[in-house]
């Protein structure tokens, strides 16, 4: 077993707390992409609402909120889930379930990602247009800009 180096910050609109949490992250070790995928779903799925403090609980499906997650990685899914199950296989299973509840955008960031990791992200995205391959900082900004524009258009038309 390993001691966690990062903790999940529950849903909040406290920008200072979010920026502080992000500033505390560091990149090291392996990429357990299935864990990030799982926590993205757990934070937004009403099925997991009891895990969170009352002020951070997700709204139920059908409420006035459109649930969207962005999964971004710069690495390969290269750890194991349990009993030898590969991280990519577990991520794919989670994504299949997630897409029933949420809109899923995915971003592969950087030039060192394997085609296998990109394939996981493509399959996890809600559609081909929800996947972005960002090779550099400019591509990454454009990906997030495209997602923001898409979500703002959704809000204006509904």
C-alpha atoms as a PDB file:
ATOM      1  CA  UNK A   1       0.000   0.000   0.000  1.00  0.00           C
ATOM      2  CA  UNK A   2       1.072   3.560  -0.594  1.00  0.00           C
ATOM      3  CA  UNK A   3       0.430   6.779   1.248  1.00  0.00           C
ATOM      4  CA  UNK A   4      -1.469   9.224  -0.979  1.00  0.00           C
ATOM      5  CA  UNK A   5       0.493  12.278  -2.031  1.00  0.00           C
ATOM      6  CA  UNK A   6      -2.591  14.229  -3.105  1.00  0.00           C
ATOM      7  CA  UNK A   7      -6.133  14.431  -1.838  1.00  0.00           C
ATOM      8  CA  UNK A   8      -9.365  15.071  -3.700  1.00  0.00           C
ATOM      9  CA  UNK A   9     -10.859  18.525  -3.189  1.00  0.00           C
ATOM     10  CA  UNK A  10     -14.665  18.296  -3.024  1.00  0.00           C
ATOM     11  CA  UNK A  11     -16.755  20.431  -5.395  1.00  0.00           C
ATOM     12  CA  UNK A  12     -16.449  24.074  -4.457  1.00  0.00           C
ATOM     13  CA  UNK A  13     -16.612  27.545  -5.958  1.00  0.00           C
ATOM     14  CA  UNK A  14     -13.764  28.677  -3.652  1.00  0.00           C
ATOM     15  CA  UNK A  15     -11.144  29.632  -6.251  1.00  0.00           C
ATOM     16  CA  UNK A  16      -8.475  30.216  -3.601  1.00  0.00           C
ATOM     17  CA  UNK A  17      -8.891  26.703  -2.210  1.00  0.00           C
ATOM     18  CA  UNK A  18      -8.820  25.204  -5.716  1.00  0.00           C
ATOM     19  CA  UNK A  19      -5.711  27.143  -6.751  1.00  0.00           C
ATOM     20  CA  UNK A  20      -3.995  26.172  -3.498  1.00  0.00           C
ATOM     21  CA  UNK A  21      -4.780  22.501  -4.102  1.00  0.00           C
ATOM     22  CA  UNK A  22      -3.477  22.720  -7.675  1.00  0.00           C
ATOM     23  CA  UNK A  23      -0.309  24.498  -6.540  1.00  0.00           C
ATOM     24  CA  UNK A  24       0.322  21.610  -4.142  1.00  0.00           C
ATOM     25  CA  UNK A  25       0.343  18.967  -6.882  1.00  0.00           C
ATOM     26  CA  UNK A  26       3.566  17.553  -8.226  1.00  0.00           C
ATOM     27  CA  UNK A  27       4.183  15.171 -11.094  1.00  0.00           C
ATOM     28  CA  UNK A  28       6.043  11.984 -10.242  1.00  0.00           C
ATOM     29  CA  UNK A  29       5.796   8.251 -10.580  1.00  0.00           C
ATOM     30  CA  UNK A  30       3.235   6.396 -12.622  1.00  0.00           C
ATOM     31  CA  UNK A  31      -0.084   7.377 -14.156  1.00  0.00           C
ATOM     32  CA  UNK A  32      -3.082   5.705 -12.560  1.00  0.00           C
ATOM     33  CA  UNK A  33      -5.457   7.193 -15.122  1.00  0.00           C
ATOM     34  CA  UNK A  34      -8.284   4.967 -13.984  1.00  0.00           C
ATOM     35  CA  UNK A  35      -8.184   6.642 -10.550  1.00  0.00           C
ATOM     36  CA  UNK A  36      -8.513  10.146 -11.981  1.00  0.00           C
ATOM     37  CA  UNK A  37     -11.330   8.933 -14.208  1.00  0.00           C
ATOM     38  CA  UNK A  38     -13.105   7.310 -11.270  1.00  0.00           C
ATOM     39  CA  UNK A  39     -12.869  10.389  -9.047  1.00  0.00           C
ATOM     40  CA  UNK A  40     -14.142  12.608 -11.854  1.00  0.00           C
ATOM     41  CA  UNK A  41     -17.244  10.437 -11.994  1.00  0.00           C
ATOM     42  CA  UNK A  42     -17.614  10.117  -8.225  1.00  0.00           C
ATOM     43  CA  UNK A  43     -17.574  13.892  -7.819  1.00  0.00           C
ATOM     44  CA  UNK A  44     -20.399  14.469 -10.294  1.00  0.00           C
ATOM     45  CA  UNK A  45     -22.562  11.352 -10.074  1.00  0.00           C
ATOM     46  CA  UNK A  46     -25.541  11.554  -7.754  1.00  0.00           C
ATOM     47  CA  UNK A  47     -24.952   7.860  -6.997  1.00  0.00           C
ATOM     48  CA  UNK A  48     -21.941   8.966  -4.921  1.00  0.00           C
ATOM     49  CA  UNK A  49     -23.485  12.020  -3.245  1.00  0.00           C
ATOM     50  CA  UNK A  50     -23.234  10.562   0.270  1.00  0.00           C
ATOM     51  CA  UNK A  51     -19.428  10.566   0.030  1.00  0.00           C
ATOM     52  CA  UNK A  52     -19.260  14.358  -0.032  1.00  0.00           C
ATOM     53  CA  UNK A  53     -19.994  17.115   2.484  1.00  0.00           C
ATOM     54  CA  UNK A  54     -23.510  18.538   2.063  1.00  0.00           C
ATOM     55  CA  UNK A  55     -22.285  21.734   0.348  1.00  0.00           C
ATOM     56  CA  UNK A  56     -20.265  19.704  -2.207  1.00  0.00           C
ATOM     57  CA  UNK A  57     -22.842  17.114  -3.232  1.00  0.00           C
ATOM     58  CA  UNK A  58     -23.664  16.802  -6.932  1.00  0.00           C
ATOM     59  CA  UNK A  59     -27.170  17.503  -8.127  1.00  0.00           C
ATOM     60  CA  UNK A  60     -29.288  14.604  -9.376  1.00  0.00           C
ATOM     61  CA  UNK A  61     -29.611  13.750 -13.060  1.00  0.00           C
ATOM     62  CA  UNK A  62     -32.435  15.770 -14.599  1.00  0.00           C
ATOM     63  CA  UNK A  63     -31.769  18.810 -12.437  1.00  0.00           C
ATOM     64  CA  UNK A  64     -31.027  22.200 -13.961  1.00  0.00           C
ATOM     65  CA  UNK A  65     -27.315  21.343 -14.194  1.00  0.00           C
ATOM     66  CA  UNK A  66     -25.541  19.853 -17.218  1.00  0.00           C
ATOM     67  CA  UNK A  67     -22.823  17.586 -15.841  1.00  0.00           C
ATOM     68  CA  UNK A  68     -19.491  17.771 -17.634  1.00  0.00           C
ATOM     69  CA  UNK A  69     -16.055  16.412 -16.799  1.00  0.00           C
ATOM     70  CA  UNK A  70     -12.704  17.008 -18.443  1.00  0.00           C
ATOM     71  CA  UNK A  71     -10.142  14.224 -18.167  1.00  0.00           C
ATOM     72  CA  UNK A  72      -6.641  15.367 -19.017  1.00  0.00           C
ATOM     73  CA  UNK A  73      -3.380  13.480 -18.801  1.00  0.00           C
ATOM     74  CA  UNK A  74       0.160  13.782 -20.053  1.00  0.00           C
ATOM     75  CA  UNK A  75       1.001  10.160 -19.375  1.00  0.00           C
ATOM     76  CA  UNK A  76       0.228   6.575 -20.140  1.00  0.00           C
ATOM     77  CA  UNK A  77      -2.240   4.535 -18.148  1.00  0.00           C
ATOM     78  CA  UNK A  78       0.529   2.362 -16.734  1.00  0.00           C
ATOM     79  CA  UNK A  79      -0.499   1.034 -13.332  1.00  0.00           C
ATOM     80  CA  UNK A  80      -2.794  -1.773 -12.302  1.00  0.00           C
ATOM     81  CA  UNK A  81      -6.290  -1.563 -10.869  1.00  0.00           C
ATOM     82  CA  UNK A  82      -6.488  -4.829  -8.924  1.00  0.00           C
ATOM     83  CA  UNK A  83      -5.971  -8.502  -9.595  1.00  0.00           C
ATOM     84  CA  UNK A  84      -3.795  -7.576 -12.567  1.00  0.00           C
ATOM     85  CA  UNK A  85      -6.479  -5.546 -14.364  1.00  0.00           C
ATOM     86  CA  UNK A  86      -4.794  -2.913 -16.496  1.00  0.00           C
ATOM     87  CA  UNK A  87      -5.436   0.760 -15.839  1.00  0.00           C
ATOM     88  CA  UNK A  88      -6.608   1.313 -19.476  1.00  0.00           C
ATOM     89  CA  UNK A  89      -9.174  -1.490 -19.165  1.00  0.00           C
ATOM     90  CA  UNK A  90     -10.507  -0.128 -15.869  1.00  0.00           C
ATOM     91  CA  UNK A  91     -10.627   3.420 -17.272  1.00  0.00           C
ATOM     92  CA  UNK A  92     -12.601   2.172 -20.283  1.00  0.00           C
ATOM     93  CA  UNK A  93     -15.131   0.443 -18.026  1.00  0.00           C
ATOM     94  CA  UNK A  94     -15.513   3.565 -15.894  1.00  0.00           C
ATOM     95  CA  UNK A  95     -15.899   5.779 -18.962  1.00  0.00           C
ATOM     96  CA  UNK A  96     -18.642   3.576 -20.346  1.00  0.00           C
ATOM     97  CA  UNK A  97     -20.629   4.004 -17.142  1.00  0.00           C
ATOM     98  CA  UNK A  98     -19.766   7.702 -16.818  1.00  0.00           C
ATOM     99  CA  UNK A  99     -21.012   8.631 -20.271  1.00  0.00           C
ATOM    100  CA  UNK A 100     -24.524   7.558 -19.263  1.00  0.00           C
ATOM    101  CA  UNK A 101     -24.550  10.361 -16.639  1.00  0.00           C
ATOM    102  CA  UNK A 102     -22.107  12.987 -17.887  1.00  0.00           C
ATOM    103  CA  UNK A 103     -20.638  14.679 -20.910  1.00  0.00           C
ATOM    104  CA  UNK A 104     -16.986  13.658 -21.036  1.00  0.00           C
ATOM    105  CA  UNK A 105     -14.243  15.732 -22.663  1.00  0.00           C
ATOM    106  CA  UNK A 106     -10.725  14.329 -22.788  1.00  0.00           C
ATOM    107  CA  UNK A 107      -7.376  15.938 -23.477  1.00  0.00           C
ATOM    108  CA  UNK A 108      -4.062  14.237 -24.129  1.00  0.00           C
ATOM    109  CA  UNK A 109      -1.310  16.730 -23.383  1.00  0.00           C
ATOM    110  CA  UNK A 110       2.252  16.557 -24.645  1.00  0.00           C
ATOM    111  CA  UNK A 111       4.336  14.749 -27.181  1.00  0.00           C
ATOM    112  CA  UNK A 112       5.394  11.781 -25.031  1.00  0.00           C
ATOM    113  CA  UNK A 113       2.007  10.055 -24.825  1.00  0.00           C
ATOM    114  CA  UNK A 114       1.715   6.615 -26.368  1.00  0.00           C
ATOM    115  CA  UNK A 115      -0.911   5.850 -28.977  1.00  0.00           C
ATOM    116  CA  UNK A 116      -2.472   3.477 -26.423  1.00  0.00           C
ATOM    117  CA  UNK A 117      -3.072   6.334 -23.967  1.00  0.00           C
ATOM    118  CA  UNK A 118      -4.536   8.476 -26.740  1.00  0.00           C
ATOM    119  CA  UNK A 119      -6.822   5.596 -27.716  1.00  0.00           C
ATOM    120  CA  UNK A 120      -8.103   5.359 -24.125  1.00  0.00           C
ATOM    121  CA  UNK A 121      -8.881   9.079 -24.120  1.00  0.00           C
ATOM    122  CA  UNK A 122     -10.585   8.920 -27.531  1.00  0.00           C
ATOM    123  CA  UNK A 123     -12.786   6.037 -26.371  1.00  0.00           C
ATOM    124  CA  UNK A 124     -13.591   7.781 -23.110  1.00  0.00           C
ATOM    125  CA  UNK A 125     -14.747  11.020 -24.756  1.00  0.00           C
ATOM    126  CA  UNK A 126     -18.481  11.420 -25.348  1.00  0.00           C
ATOM    127  CA  UNK A 127     -17.806  11.757 -29.092  1.00  0.00           C
ATOM    128  CA  UNK A 128     -14.799  12.255 -31.376  1.00  0.00           C
ATOM    129  CA  UNK A 129     -15.308  16.021 -31.120  1.00  0.00           C
ATOM    130  CA  UNK A 130     -14.962  15.775 -27.329  1.00  0.00           C
ATOM    131  CA  UNK A 131     -11.331  14.536 -27.617  1.00  0.00           C
ATOM    132  CA  UNK A 132      -8.363  16.888 -27.946  1.00  0.00           C
ATOM    133  CA  UNK A 133      -4.725  16.053 -28.696  1.00  0.00           C
ATOM    134  CA  UNK A 134      -2.800  19.021 -27.302  1.00  0.00           C
ATOM    135  CA  UNK A 135       0.875  18.868 -28.251  1.00  0.00           C
ATOM    136  CA  UNK A 136       1.883  22.114 -26.522  1.00  0.00           C
ATOM    137  CA  UNK A 137       0.633  24.934 -24.314  1.00  0.00           C
ATOM    138  CA  UNK A 138      -1.044  26.754 -27.186  1.00  0.00           C
ATOM    139  CA  UNK A 139      -2.948  23.598 -28.194  1.00  0.00           C
ATOM    140  CA  UNK A 140      -3.975  23.122 -24.558  1.00  0.00           C
ATOM    141  CA  UNK A 141      -5.343  26.678 -24.307  1.00  0.00           C
ATOM    142  CA  UNK A 142      -7.235  26.143 -27.566  1.00  0.00           C
ATOM    143  CA  UNK A 143      -8.704  22.864 -26.289  1.00  0.00           C
ATOM    144  CA  UNK A 144     -10.022  24.488 -23.112  1.00  0.00           C
ATOM    145  CA  UNK A 145     -11.266  27.477 -25.118  1.00  0.00           C
ATOM    146  CA  UNK A 146     -13.166  25.134 -27.447  1.00  0.00           C
ATOM    147  CA  UNK A 147     -14.704  23.311 -24.476  1.00  0.00           C
ATOM    148  CA  UNK A 148     -15.715  26.614 -22.859  1.00  0.00           C
ATOM    149  CA  UNK A 149     -17.299  27.886 -26.083  1.00  0.00           C
ATOM    150  CA  UNK A 150     -19.177  24.616 -26.506  1.00  0.00           C
ATOM    151  CA  UNK A 151     -20.518  24.780 -22.949  1.00  0.00           C
ATOM    152  CA  UNK A 152     -21.486  28.440 -23.198  1.00  0.00           C
ATOM    153  CA  UNK A 153     -23.426  27.745 -26.404  1.00  0.00           C
ATOM    154  CA  UNK A 154     -25.191  24.880 -24.662  1.00  0.00           C
ATOM    155  CA  UNK A 155     -26.225  27.171 -21.844  1.00  0.00           C
ATOM    156  CA  UNK A 156     -27.477  29.880 -24.197  1.00  0.00           C
ATOM    157  CA  UNK A 157     -29.576  27.527 -26.315  1.00  0.00           C
ATOM    158  CA  UNK A 158     -31.243  25.607 -23.516  1.00  0.00           C
END
